[in-house]
ModelCIF file with pLDDT and N, C-alpha, C, O atoms, coordinates in Angstrom:
data_MODEL
#
_entry.id   MODEL 
#
_entity.id                         1 
_entity.type                       polymer 
_entity.pdbx_number_of_molecules   1 
#
_entity_poly.entity_id                      1 
_entity_poly.type                           'polypeptide(L)' 
_entity_poly.nstd_linkage                   no 
_entity_poly.nstd_monomer                   no 
_entity_poly.pdbx_seq_one_letter_code       
;(UNK)(UNK)(UNK)(UNK)(UNK)(UNK)(UNK)(UNK)(UNK)(UNK)(UNK)(UNK)(UNK)(UNK)(UNK)(UNK)
(UNK)(UNK)(UNK)(UNK)(UNK)(UNK)(UNK)(UNK)(UNK)(UNK)(UNK)(UNK)(UNK)(UNK)(UNK)(UNK)
(UNK)(UNK)(UNK)(UNK)(UNK)(UNK)(UNK)(UNK)(UNK)(UNK)(UNK)(UNK)(UNK)(UNK)
;
_entity_poly.pdbx_seq_one_letter_code_can   XXXXXXXXXXXXXXXXXXXXXXXXXXXXXXXXXXXXXXXXXXXXXX 
_entity_poly.pdbx_strand_id                 A 
#
loop_
_entity_poly_seq.entity_id 
_entity_poly_seq.num 
_entity_poly_seq.mon_id 
_entity_poly_seq.hetero 
1 1  UNK n 
1 2  UNK n 
1 3  UNK n 
1 4  UNK n 
1 5  UNK n 
1 6  UNK n 
1 7  UNK n 
1 8  UNK n 
1 9  UNK n 
1 10 UNK n 
1 11 UNK n 
1 12 UNK n 
1 13 UNK n 
1 14 UNK n 
1 15 UNK n 
1 16 UNK n 
1 17 UNK n 
1 18 UNK n 
1 19 UNK n 
1 20 UNK n 
1 21 UNK n 
1 22 UNK n 
1 23 UNK n 
1 24 UNK n 
1 25 UNK n 
1 26 UNK n 
1 27 UNK n 
1 28 UNK n 
1 29 UNK n 
1 30 UNK n 
1 31 UNK n 
1 32 UNK n 
1 33 UNK n 
1 34 UNK n 
1 35 UNK n 
1 36 UNK n 
1 37 UNK n 
1 38 UNK n 
1 39 UNK n 
1 40 UNK n 
1 41 UNK n 
1 42 UNK n 
1 43 UNK n 
1 44 UNK n 
1 45 UNK n 
1 46 UNK n 
#
_struct_asym.id          A 
_struct_asym.entity_id   1 
#
loop_
_ma_qa_metric.id 
_ma_qa_metric.mode 
_ma_qa_metric.name 
_ma_qa_metric.software_group_id 
_ma_qa_metric.type 
1 global pLDDT . pLDDT 
2 local  pLDDT . pLDDT 
#
_ma_qa_metric_global.metric_id      1 
_ma_qa_metric_global.metric_value   96.33 
_ma_qa_metric_global.model_id       1 
_ma_qa_metric_global.ordinal_id     1 
#
loop_
_ma_qa_metric_local.label_asym_id 
_ma_qa_metric_local.label_comp_id 
_ma_qa_metric_local.label_seq_id 
_ma_qa_metric_local.metric_id 
_ma_qa_metric_local.metric_value 
_ma_qa_metric_local.model_id 
_ma_qa_metric_local.ordinal_id 
A UNK 1  2 98.00 1 1  
A UNK 2  2 98.00 1 2  
A UNK 3  2 97.00 1 3  
A UNK 4  2 97.00 1 4  
A UNK 5  2 95.00 1 5  
A UNK 6  2 95.00 1 6  
A UNK 7  2 97.00 1 7  
A UNK 8  2 97.00 1 8  
A UNK 9  2 97.00 1 9  
A UNK 10 2 98.00 1 10 
A UNK 11 2 98.00 1 11 
A UNK 12 2 98.00 1 12 
A UNK 13 2 98.00 1 13 
A UNK 14 2 98.00 1 14 
A UNK 15 2 98.00 1 15 
A UNK 16 2 98.00 1 16 
A UNK 17 2 98.00 1 17 
A UNK 18 2 98.00 1 18 
A UNK 19 2 98.00 1 19 
A UNK 20 2 98.00 1 20 
A UNK 21 2 97.00 1 21 
A UNK 22 2 97.00 1 22 
A UNK 23 2 97.00 1 23 
A UNK 24 2 98.00 1 24 
A UNK 25 2 93.00 1 25 
A UNK 26 2 98.00 1 26 
A UNK 27 2 98.00 1 27 
A UNK 28 2 98.00 1 28 
A UNK 29 2 98.00 1 29 
A UNK 30 2 98.00 1 30 
A UNK 31 2 98.00 1 31 
A UNK 32 2 97.00 1 32 
A UNK 33 2 96.00 1 33 
A UNK 34 2 92.00 1 34 
A UNK 35 2 89.00 1 35 
A UNK 36 2 87.00 1 36 
A UNK 37 2 90.00 1 37 
A UNK 38 2 94.00 1 38 
A UNK 39 2 95.00 1 39 
A UNK 40 2 96.00 1 40 
A UNK 41 2 96.00 1 41 
A UNK 42 2 95.00 1 42 
A UNK 43 2 96.00 1 43 
A UNK 44 2 95.00 1 44 
A UNK 45 2 97.00 1 45 
A UNK 46 2 97.00 1 46 
#
loop_
_atom_site.group_PDB 
_atom_site.id 
_atom_site.type_symbol 
_atom_site.label_atom_id 
_atom_site.label_alt_id 
_atom_site.label_comp_id 
_atom_site.label_asym_id 
_atom_site.label_entity_id 
_atom_site.label_seq_id 
_atom_site.pdbx_PDB_ins_code 
_atom_site.Cartn_x 
_atom_site.Cartn_y 
_atom_site.Cartn_z 
_atom_site.occupancy 
_atom_site.B_iso_or_equiv 
_atom_site.pdbx_formal_charge 
_atom_site.auth_seq_id 
_atom_site.auth_comp_id 
_atom_site.auth_asym_id 
_atom_site.auth_atom_id 
_atom_site.pdbx_PDB_model_num 
ATOM 1   N N  . UNK A 1 1  ? 2.657   -0.078 3.242   1.00 98.00 ? 1  UNK A N  1 
ATOM 2   C CA . UNK A 1 1  ? 1.254   0.261  2.994   1.00 98.00 ? 1  UNK A CA 1 
ATOM 3   C C  . UNK A 1 1  ? 1.227   1.776  2.811   1.00 98.00 ? 1  UNK A C  1 
ATOM 4   O O  . UNK A 1 1  ? 1.584   2.524  3.721   1.00 98.00 ? 1  UNK A O  1 
ATOM 5   N N  . UNK A 1 2  ? 0.807   2.219  1.642   1.00 98.00 ? 2  UNK A N  1 
ATOM 6   C CA . UNK A 1 2  ? 0.882   3.637  1.289   1.00 98.00 ? 2  UNK A CA 1 
ATOM 7   C C  . UNK A 1 2  ? -0.524  4.196  1.132   1.00 98.00 ? 2  UNK A C  1 
ATOM 8   O O  . UNK A 1 2  ? -1.314  3.690  0.335   1.00 98.00 ? 2  UNK A O  1 
ATOM 9   N N  . UNK A 1 3  ? -0.835  5.240  1.894   1.00 97.00 ? 3  UNK A N  1 
ATOM 10  C CA . UNK A 1 3  ? -2.132  5.889  1.816   1.00 97.00 ? 3  UNK A CA 1 
ATOM 11  C C  . UNK A 1 3  ? -2.082  6.990  0.764   1.00 97.00 ? 3  UNK A C  1 
ATOM 12  O O  . UNK A 1 3  ? -1.082  7.699  0.643   1.00 97.00 ? 3  UNK A O  1 
ATOM 13  N N  . UNK A 1 4  ? -3.177  7.130  -0.003  1.00 97.00 ? 4  UNK A N  1 
ATOM 14  C CA . UNK A 1 4  ? -3.145  8.007  -1.166  1.00 97.00 ? 4  UNK A CA 1 
ATOM 15  C C  . UNK A 1 4  ? -4.098  9.187  -1.092  1.00 97.00 ? 4  UNK A C  1 
ATOM 16  O O  . UNK A 1 4  ? -4.461  9.751  -2.125  1.00 97.00 ? 4  UNK A O  1 
ATOM 17  N N  . UNK A 1 5  ? -4.514  9.576  0.123   1.00 95.00 ? 5  UNK A N  1 
ATOM 18  C CA . UNK A 1 5  ? -5.399  10.722 0.248   1.00 95.00 ? 5  UNK A CA 1 
ATOM 19  C C  . UNK A 1 5  ? -4.797  11.968 -0.377  1.00 95.00 ? 5  UNK A C  1 
ATOM 20  O O  . UNK A 1 5  ? -3.616  12.258 -0.186  1.00 95.00 ? 5  UNK A O  1 
ATOM 21  N N  . UNK A 1 6  ? -5.605  12.699 -1.120  1.00 95.00 ? 6  UNK A N  1 
ATOM 22  C CA . UNK A 1 6  ? -5.243  13.968 -1.773  1.00 95.00 ? 6  UNK A CA 1 
ATOM 23  C C  . UNK A 1 6  ? -4.402  13.793 -3.025  1.00 95.00 ? 6  UNK A C  1 
ATOM 24  O O  . UNK A 1 6  ? -4.241  14.747 -3.787  1.00 95.00 ? 6  UNK A O  1 
ATOM 25  N N  . UNK A 1 7  ? -3.858  12.600 -3.264  1.00 97.00 ? 7  UNK A N  1 
ATOM 26  C CA . UNK A 1 7  ? -2.843  12.417 -4.300  1.00 97.00 ? 7  UNK A CA 1 
ATOM 27  C C  . UNK A 1 7  ? -3.438  12.287 -5.694  1.00 97.00 ? 7  UNK A C  1 
ATOM 28  O O  . UNK A 1 7  ? -4.519  11.728 -5.879  1.00 97.00 ? 7  UNK A O  1 
ATOM 29  N N  . UNK A 1 8  ? -2.707  12.815 -6.669  1.00 97.00 ? 8  UNK A N  1 
ATOM 30  C CA . UNK A 1 8  ? -3.018  12.567 -8.071  1.00 97.00 ? 8  UNK A CA 1 
ATOM 31  C C  . UNK A 1 8  ? -2.434  11.218 -8.478  1.00 97.00 ? 8  UNK A C  1 
ATOM 32  O O  . UNK A 1 8  ? -1.616  10.645 -7.758  1.00 97.00 ? 8  UNK A O  1 
ATOM 33  N N  . UNK A 1 9  ? -2.859  10.717 -9.635  1.00 97.00 ? 9  UNK A N  1 
ATOM 34  C CA . UNK A 1 9  ? -2.284  9.466  -10.121 1.00 97.00 ? 9  UNK A CA 1 
ATOM 35  C C  . UNK A 1 9  ? -0.779  9.608  -10.350 1.00 97.00 ? 9  UNK A C  1 
ATOM 36  O O  . UNK A 1 9  ? -0.020  8.669  -10.113 1.00 97.00 ? 9  UNK A O  1 
ATOM 37  N N  . UNK A 1 10 ? -0.355  10.777 -10.808 1.00 98.00 ? 10 UNK A N  1 
ATOM 38  C CA . UNK A 1 10 ? 1.069   11.003 -11.016 1.00 98.00 ? 10 UNK A CA 1 
ATOM 39  C C  . UNK A 1 10 ? 1.847   10.954 -9.714  1.00 98.00 ? 10 UNK A C  1 
ATOM 40  O O  . UNK A 1 10 ? 2.941   10.391 -9.665  1.00 98.00 ? 10 UNK A O  1 
ATOM 41  N N  . UNK A 1 11 ? 1.295   11.539 -8.655  1.00 98.00 ? 11 UNK A N  1 
ATOM 42  C CA . UNK A 1 11 ? 1.964   11.509 -7.350  1.00 98.00 ? 11 UNK A CA 1 
ATOM 43  C C  . UNK A 1 11 ? 2.011   10.091 -6.788  1.00 98.00 ? 11 UNK A C  1 
ATOM 44  O O  . UNK A 1 11 ? 3.009   9.687  -6.191  1.00 98.00 ? 11 UNK A O  1 
ATOM 45  N N  . UNK A 1 12 ? 0.926   9.337  -6.981  1.00 98.00 ? 12 UNK A N  1 
ATOM 46  C CA . UNK A 1 12 ? 0.915   7.949  -6.522  1.00 98.00 ? 12 UNK A CA 1 
ATOM 47  C C  . UNK A 1 12 ? 1.976   7.142  -7.269  1.00 98.00 ? 12 UNK A C  1 
ATOM 48  O O  . UNK A 1 12 ? 2.714   6.366  -6.661  1.00 98.00 ? 12 UNK A O  1 
ATOM 49  N N  . UNK A 1 13 ? 2.048   7.326  -8.568  1.00 98.00 ? 13 UNK A N  1 
ATOM 50  C CA . UNK A 1 13 ? 3.032   6.614  -9.362  1.00 98.00 ? 13 UNK A CA 1 
ATOM 51  C C  . UNK A 1 13 ? 4.447   6.946  -8.909  1.00 98.00 ? 13 UNK A C  1 
ATOM 52  O O  . UNK A 1 13 ? 5.295   6.057  -8.826  1.00 98.00 ? 13 UNK A O  1 
ATOM 53  N N  . UNK A 1 14 ? 4.711   8.217  -8.614  1.00 98.00 ? 14 UNK A N  1 
ATOM 54  C CA . UNK A 1 14 ? 6.043   8.616  -8.160  1.00 98.00 ? 14 UNK A CA 1 
ATOM 55  C C  . UNK A 1 14 ? 6.387   7.966  -6.827  1.00 98.00 ? 14 UNK A C  1 
ATOM 56  O O  . UNK A 1 14 ? 7.529   7.558  -6.612  1.00 98.00 ? 14 UNK A O  1 
ATOM 57  N N  . UNK A 1 15 ? 5.397   7.865  -5.918  1.00 98.00 ? 15 UNK A N  1 
ATOM 58  C CA . UNK A 1 15 ? 5.633   7.252  -4.605  1.00 98.00 ? 15 UNK A CA 1 
ATOM 59  C C  . UNK A 1 15 ? 5.920   5.760  -4.746  1.00 98.00 ? 15 UNK A C  1 
ATOM 60  O O  . UNK A 1 15 ? 6.840   5.244  -4.111  1.00 98.00 ? 15 UNK A O  1 
ATOM 61  N N  . UNK A 1 16 ? 5.141   5.065  -5.572  1.00 98.00 ? 16 UNK A N  1 
ATOM 62  C CA . UNK A 1 16 ? 5.358   3.631  -5.766  1.00 98.00 ? 16 UNK A CA 1 
ATOM 63  C C  . UNK A 1 16 ? 6.703   3.382  -6.441  1.00 98.00 ? 16 UNK A C  1 
ATOM 64  O O  . UNK A 1 16 ? 7.425   2.450  -6.087  1.00 98.00 ? 16 UNK A O  1 
ATOM 65  N N  . UNK A 1 17 ? 7.023   4.216  -7.403  1.00 98.00 ? 17 UNK A N  1 
ATOM 66  C CA . UNK A 1 17 ? 8.316   4.081  -8.072  1.00 98.00 ? 17 UNK A CA 1 
ATOM 67  C C  . UNK A 1 17 ? 9.463   4.282  -7.092  1.00 98.00 ? 17 UNK A C  1 
ATOM 68  O O  . UNK A 1 17 ? 10.440  3.534  -7.112  1.00 98.00 ? 17 UNK A O  1 
ATOM 69  N N  . UNK A 1 18 ? 9.345   5.300  -6.227  1.00 98.00 ? 18 UNK A N  1 
ATOM 70  C CA . UNK A 1 18 ? 10.388  5.550  -5.221  1.00 98.00 ? 18 UNK A CA 1 
ATOM 71  C C  . UNK A 1 18 ? 10.531  4.361  -4.282  1.00 98.00 ? 18 UNK A C  1 
ATOM 72  O O  . UNK A 1 18 ? 11.644  3.976  -3.926  1.00 98.00 ? 18 UNK A O  1 
ATOM 73  N N  . UNK A 1 19 ? 9.399   3.777  -3.878  1.00 98.00 ? 19 UNK A N  1 
ATOM 74  C CA . UNK A 1 19 ? 9.448   2.619  -2.981  1.00 98.00 ? 19 UNK A CA 1 
ATOM 75  C C  . UNK A 1 19 ? 10.160  1.443  -3.653  1.00 98.00 ? 19 UNK A C  1 
ATOM 76  O O  . UNK A 1 19 ? 11.004  0.787  -3.043  1.00 98.00 ? 19 UNK A O  1 
ATOM 77  N N  . UNK A 1 20 ? 9.814   1.189  -4.896  1.00 98.00 ? 20 UNK A N  1 
ATOM 78  C CA . UNK A 1 20 ? 10.441  0.064  -5.599  1.00 98.00 ? 20 UNK A CA 1 
ATOM 79  C C  . UNK A 1 20 ? 11.923  0.309  -5.843  1.00 98.00 ? 20 UNK A C  1 
ATOM 80  O O  . UNK A 1 20 ? 12.746  -0.590 -5.672  1.00 98.00 ? 20 UNK A O  1 
ATOM 81  N N  . UNK A 1 21 ? 12.252  1.510  -6.235  1.00 97.00 ? 21 UNK A N  1 
ATOM 82  C CA . UNK A 1 21 ? 13.666  1.819  -6.461  1.00 97.00 ? 21 UNK A CA 1 
ATOM 83  C C  . UNK A 1 21 ? 14.467  1.768  -5.165  1.00 97.00 ? 21 UNK A C  1 
ATOM 84  O O  . UNK A 1 21 ? 15.666  1.489  -5.173  1.00 97.00 ? 21 UNK A O  1 
ATOM 85  N N  . UNK A 1 22 ? 13.785  2.041  -4.048  1.00 97.00 ? 22 UNK A N  1 
ATOM 86  C CA . UNK A 1 22 ? 14.457  2.005  -2.748  1.00 97.00 ? 22 UNK A CA 1 
ATOM 87  C C  . UNK A 1 22 ? 14.634  0.613  -2.188  1.00 97.00 ? 22 UNK A C  1 
ATOM 88  O O  . UNK A 1 22 ? 15.346  0.431  -1.200  1.00 97.00 ? 22 UNK A O  1 
ATOM 89  N N  . UNK A 1 23 ? 13.989  -0.393 -2.807  1.00 97.00 ? 23 UNK A N  1 
ATOM 90  C CA . UNK A 1 23 ? 14.189  -1.765 -2.360  1.00 97.00 ? 23 UNK A CA 1 
ATOM 91  C C  . UNK A 1 23 ? 12.948  -2.474 -1.871  1.00 97.00 ? 23 UNK A C  1 
ATOM 92  O O  . UNK A 1 23 ? 13.039  -3.615 -1.419  1.00 97.00 ? 23 UNK A O  1 
ATOM 93  N N  . UNK A 1 24 ? 11.770  -1.827 -1.944  1.00 98.00 ? 24 UNK A N  1 
ATOM 94  C CA . UNK A 1 24 ? 10.526  -2.458 -1.493  1.00 98.00 ? 24 UNK A CA 1 
ATOM 95  C C  . UNK A 1 24 ? 9.783   -3.029 -2.687  1.00 98.00 ? 24 UNK A C  1 
ATOM 96  O O  . UNK A 1 24 ? 9.511   -2.314 -3.652  1.00 98.00 ? 24 UNK A O  1 
ATOM 97  N N  . UNK A 1 25 ? 9.457   -4.294 -2.631  1.00 93.00 ? 25 UNK A N  1 
ATOM 98  C CA . UNK A 1 25 ? 8.738   -4.951 -3.717  1.00 93.00 ? 25 UNK A CA 1 
ATOM 99  C C  . UNK A 1 25 ? 7.330   -5.375 -3.319  1.00 93.00 ? 25 UNK A C  1 
ATOM 100 O O  . UNK A 1 25 ? 6.545   -5.783 -4.176  1.00 93.00 ? 25 UNK A O  1 
ATOM 101 N N  . UNK A 1 26 ? 7.000   -5.286 -2.043  1.00 98.00 ? 26 UNK A N  1 
ATOM 102 C CA . UNK A 1 26 ? 5.670   -5.681 -1.573  1.00 98.00 ? 26 UNK A CA 1 
ATOM 103 C C  . UNK A 1 26 ? 4.951   -4.441 -1.056  1.00 98.00 ? 26 UNK A C  1 
ATOM 104 O O  . UNK A 1 26 ? 5.277   -3.917 0.010   1.00 98.00 ? 26 UNK A O  1 
ATOM 105 N N  . UNK A 1 27 ? 3.970   -3.982 -1.824  1.00 98.00 ? 27 UNK A N  1 
ATOM 106 C CA . UNK A 1 27 ? 3.304   -2.711 -1.545  1.00 98.00 ? 27 UNK A CA 1 
ATOM 107 C C  . UNK A 1 27 ? 1.795   -2.909 -1.595  1.00 98.00 ? 27 UNK A C  1 
ATOM 108 O O  . UNK A 1 27 ? 1.273   -3.586 -2.481  1.00 98.00 ? 27 UNK A O  1 
ATOM 109 N N  . UNK A 1 28 ? 1.110   -2.315 -0.638  1.00 98.00 ? 28 UNK A N  1 
ATOM 110 C CA . UNK A 1 28 ? -0.349  -2.173 -0.671  1.00 98.00 ? 28 UNK A CA 1 
ATOM 111 C C  . UNK A 1 28 ? -0.644  -0.688 -0.765  1.00 98.00 ? 28 UNK A C  1 
ATOM 112 O O  . UNK A 1 28 ? -0.050  0.112  -0.042  1.00 98.00 ? 28 UNK A O  1 
ATOM 113 N N  . UNK A 1 29 ? -1.550  -0.316 -1.642  1.00 98.00 ? 29 UNK A N  1 
ATOM 114 C CA . UNK A 1 29 ? -1.961  1.073  -1.792  1.00 98.00 ? 29 UNK A CA 1 
ATOM 115 C C  . UNK A 1 29 ? -3.360  1.237  -1.220  1.00 98.00 ? 29 UNK A C  1 
ATOM 116 O O  . UNK A 1 29 ? -4.261  0.459  -1.536  1.00 98.00 ? 29 UNK A O  1 
ATOM 117 N N  . UNK A 1 30 ? -3.543  2.251  -0.379  1.00 98.00 ? 30 UNK A N  1 
ATOM 118 C CA . UNK A 1 30 ? -4.847  2.499  0.228   1.00 98.00 ? 30 UNK A CA 1 
ATOM 119 C C  . UNK A 1 30 ? -5.526  3.698  -0.422  1.00 98.00 ? 30 UNK A C  1 
ATOM 120 O O  . UNK A 1 30 ? -4.976  4.800  -0.433  1.00 98.00 ? 30 UNK A O  1 
ATOM 121 N N  . UNK A 1 31 ? -6.727  3.481  -0.965  1.00 98.00 ? 31 UNK A N  1 
ATOM 122 C CA . UNK A 1 31 ? -7.569  4.612  -1.322  1.00 98.00 ? 31 UNK A CA 1 
ATOM 123 C C  . UNK A 1 31 ? -7.904  5.358  -0.029  1.00 98.00 ? 31 UNK A C  1 
ATOM 124 O O  . UNK A 1 31 ? -8.010  4.741  1.031   1.00 98.00 ? 31 UNK A O  1 
ATOM 125 N N  . UNK A 1 32 ? -8.067  6.650  -0.108  1.00 97.00 ? 32 UNK A N  1 
ATOM 126 C CA . UNK A 1 32 ? -8.269  7.419  1.124   1.00 97.00 ? 32 UNK A CA 1 
ATOM 127 C C  . UNK A 1 32 ? -8.831  8.790  0.786   1.00 97.00 ? 32 UNK A C  1 
ATOM 128 O O  . UNK A 1 32 ? -8.466  9.399  -0.220  1.00 97.00 ? 32 UNK A O  1 
ATOM 129 N N  . UNK A 1 33 ? -9.719  9.260  1.640   1.00 96.00 ? 33 UNK A N  1 
ATOM 130 C CA . UNK A 1 33 ? -10.146 10.653 1.616   1.00 96.00 ? 33 UNK A CA 1 
ATOM 131 C C  . UNK A 1 33 ? -9.567  11.287 2.870   1.00 96.00 ? 33 UNK A C  1 
ATOM 132 O O  . UNK A 1 33 ? -10.007 10.994 3.982   1.00 96.00 ? 33 UNK A O  1 
ATOM 133 N N  . UNK A 1 34 ? -8.575  12.159 2.690   1.00 92.00 ? 34 UNK A N  1 
ATOM 134 C CA . UNK A 1 34 ? -7.840  12.718 3.827   1.00 92.00 ? 34 UNK A CA 1 
ATOM 135 C C  . UNK A 1 34 ? -8.595  13.895 4.431   1.00 92.00 ? 34 UNK A C  1 
ATOM 136 O O  . UNK A 1 34 ? -8.111  15.026 4.445   1.00 92.00 ? 34 UNK A O  1 
ATOM 137 N N  . UNK A 1 35 ? -9.789  13.602 4.926   1.00 89.00 ? 35 UNK A N  1 
ATOM 138 C CA . UNK A 1 35 ? -10.591 14.566 5.673   1.00 89.00 ? 35 UNK A CA 1 
ATOM 139 C C  . UNK A 1 35 ? -10.961 13.896 6.987   1.00 89.00 ? 35 UNK A C  1 
ATOM 140 O O  . UNK A 1 35 ? -11.132 12.679 7.044   1.00 89.00 ? 35 UNK A O  1 
ATOM 141 N N  . UNK A 1 36 ? -11.084 14.691 8.042   1.00 87.00 ? 36 UNK A N  1 
ATOM 142 C CA . UNK A 1 36 ? -11.209 14.121 9.395   1.00 87.00 ? 36 UNK A CA 1 
ATOM 143 C C  . UNK A 1 36 ? -12.308 14.864 10.155  1.00 87.00 ? 36 UNK A C  1 
ATOM 144 O O  . UNK A 1 36 ? -12.040 15.910 10.745  1.00 87.00 ? 36 UNK A O  1 
ATOM 145 N N  . UNK A 1 37 ? -13.545 14.344 10.154  1.00 90.00 ? 37 UNK A N  1 
ATOM 146 C CA . UNK A 1 37 ? -13.998 13.111 9.501   1.00 90.00 ? 37 UNK A CA 1 
ATOM 147 C C  . UNK A 1 37 ? -14.230 13.327 8.007   1.00 90.00 ? 37 UNK A C  1 
ATOM 148 O O  . UNK A 1 37 ? -14.270 14.460 7.527   1.00 90.00 ? 37 UNK A O  1 
ATOM 149 N N  . UNK A 1 38 ? -14.383 12.214 7.280   1.00 94.00 ? 38 UNK A N  1 
ATOM 150 C CA . UNK A 1 38 ? -14.686 12.266 5.853   1.00 94.00 ? 38 UNK A CA 1 
ATOM 151 C C  . UNK A 1 38 ? -16.157 11.949 5.635   1.00 94.00 ? 38 UNK A C  1 
ATOM 152 O O  . UNK A 1 38 ? -16.751 11.161 6.370   1.00 94.00 ? 38 UNK A O  1 
ATOM 153 N N  . UNK A 1 39 ? -16.727 12.565 4.630   1.00 95.00 ? 39 UNK A N  1 
ATOM 154 C CA . UNK A 1 39 ? -18.116 12.280 4.272   1.00 95.00 ? 39 UNK A CA 1 
ATOM 155 C C  . UNK A 1 39 ? -18.170 11.112 3.291   1.00 95.00 ? 39 UNK A C  1 
ATOM 156 O O  . UNK A 1 39 ? -17.316 11.021 2.408   1.00 95.00 ? 39 UNK A O  1 
ATOM 157 N N  . UNK A 1 40 ? -19.143 10.224 3.419   1.00 96.00 ? 40 UNK A N  1 
ATOM 158 C CA . UNK A 1 40 ? -19.306 9.177  2.409   1.00 96.00 ? 40 UNK A CA 1 
ATOM 159 C C  . UNK A 1 40 ? -19.447 9.751  0.996   1.00 96.00 ? 40 UNK A C  1 
ATOM 160 O O  . UNK A 1 40 ? -19.082 9.093  0.021   1.00 96.00 ? 40 UNK A O  1 
ATOM 161 N N  . UNK A 1 41 ? -19.975 10.973 0.884   1.00 96.00 ? 41 UNK A N  1 
ATOM 162 C CA . UNK A 1 41 ? -20.117 11.594 -0.430  1.00 96.00 ? 41 UNK A CA 1 
ATOM 163 C C  . UNK A 1 41 ? -18.771 11.785 -1.120  1.00 96.00 ? 41 UNK A C  1 
ATOM 164 O O  . UNK A 1 41 ? -18.707 11.874 -2.346  1.00 96.00 ? 41 UNK A O  1 
ATOM 165 N N  . UNK A 1 42 ? -17.692 11.849 -0.332  1.00 95.00 ? 42 UNK A N  1 
ATOM 166 C CA . UNK A 1 42 ? -16.361 12.078 -0.889  1.00 95.00 ? 42 UNK A CA 1 
ATOM 167 C C  . UNK A 1 42 ? -15.523 10.801 -0.974  1.00 95.00 ? 42 UNK A C  1 
ATOM 168 O O  . UNK A 1 42 ? -14.336 10.863 -1.293  1.00 95.00 ? 42 UNK A O  1 
ATOM 169 N N  . UNK A 1 43 ? -16.128 9.648  -0.691  1.00 96.00 ? 43 UNK A N  1 
ATOM 170 C CA . UNK A 1 43 ? -15.342 8.409  -0.613  1.00 96.00 ? 43 UNK A CA 1 
ATOM 171 C C  . UNK A 1 43 ? -14.813 7.956  -1.977  1.00 96.00 ? 43 UNK A C  1 
ATOM 172 O O  . UNK A 1 43 ? -13.724 7.388  -2.052  1.00 96.00 ? 43 UNK A O  1 
ATOM 173 N N  . UNK A 1 44 ? -15.558 8.196  -3.041  1.00 95.00 ? 44 UNK A N  1 
ATOM 174 C CA . UNK A 1 44 ? -15.116 7.851  -4.409  1.00 95.00 ? 44 UNK A CA 1 
ATOM 175 C C  . UNK A 1 44 ? -14.577 6.417  -4.484  1.00 95.00 ? 44 UNK A C  1 
ATOM 176 O O  . UNK A 1 44 ? -13.456 6.175  -4.931  1.00 95.00 ? 44 UNK A O  1 
ATOM 177 N N  . UNK A 1 45 ? -15.409 5.480  -4.033  1.00 97.00 ? 45 UNK A N  1 
ATOM 178 C CA . UNK A 1 45 ? -14.938 4.104  -3.890  1.00 97.00 ? 45 UNK A CA 1 
ATOM 179 C C  . UNK A 1 45 ? -14.625 3.407  -5.207  1.00 97.00 ? 45 UNK A C  1 
ATOM 180 O O  . UNK A 1 45 ? -13.928 2.392  -5.214  1.00 97.00 ? 45 UNK A O  1 
ATOM 181 N N  . UNK A 1 46 ? -15.125 3.930  -6.315  1.00 97.00 ? 46 UNK A N  1 
ATOM 182 C CA . UNK A 1 46 ? -14.749 3.308  -7.587  1.00 97.00 ? 46 UNK A CA 1 
ATOM 183 C C  . UNK A 1 46 ? -13.270 3.510  -7.892  1.00 97.00 ? 46 UNK A C  1 
ATOM 184 O O  . UNK A 1 46 ? -12.785 3.050  -8.926  1.00 97.00 ? 46 UNK A O  1 
#
Protein backbone atom coordinates (compact mmCIF):
# COMPACT_ATOMS: atom_id res chain seq x y z
CA UNK A 1 0.00 0.00 0.00
CA UNK A 2 1.76 3.13 -1.23
CA UNK A 3 0.86 6.62 -0.01
CA UNK A 4 1.28 9.41 -2.55
CA UNK A 5 1.30 12.62 -0.51
CA UNK A 6 3.38 15.39 -2.14
CA UNK A 7 4.16 13.18 -5.16
CA UNK A 8 3.97 14.09 -8.82
CA UNK A 9 2.51 11.63 -11.30
CA UNK A 10 6.04 10.92 -12.49
CA UNK A 11 7.20 10.10 -8.96
CA UNK A 12 4.18 7.85 -8.41
CA UNK A 13 4.87 6.04 -11.66
CA UNK A 14 8.52 5.52 -10.68
CA UNK A 15 7.49 4.07 -7.29
CA UNK A 16 4.95 1.67 -8.81
CA UNK A 17 7.44 0.62 -11.46
CA UNK A 18 10.09 -0.04 -8.78
CA UNK A 19 7.60 -2.12 -6.79
CA UNK A 20 6.66 -4.22 -9.80
CA UNK A 21 10.24 -4.69 -10.91
CA UNK A 22 11.12 -5.71 -7.36
CA UNK A 23 8.56 -8.51 -7.38
CA UNK A 24 5.31 -6.96 -6.07
CA UNK A 25 2.27 -7.38 -8.29
CA UNK A 26 -0.49 -6.45 -5.82
CA UNK A 27 -0.46 -2.72 -5.10
CA UNK A 28 -2.92 -0.22 -3.65
CA UNK A 29 -2.18 3.46 -4.14
CA UNK A 30 -3.44 5.96 -1.57
CA UNK A 31 -4.29 9.54 -2.45
CA UNK A 32 -2.97 11.68 0.38
CA UNK A 33 -2.38 15.23 1.51
CA UNK A 34 0.80 15.00 3.59
CA UNK A 35 -0.10 17.77 6.02
CA UNK A 36 -0.71 17.13 9.71
CA UNK A 37 -3.51 18.05 10.11
CA UNK A 38 -4.72 18.48 6.52
CA UNK A 39 -7.44 20.88 5.47
CA UNK A 40 -10.39 19.56 3.45
CA UNK A 41 -9.61 22.43 1.06
CA UNK A 42 -6.41 20.59 0.12
CA UNK A 43 -7.91 17.09 -0.18
CA UNK A 44 -8.24 17.21 -4.01
CA UNK A 45 -10.44 14.13 -3.96
CA UNK A 46 -10.94 14.07 -7.71
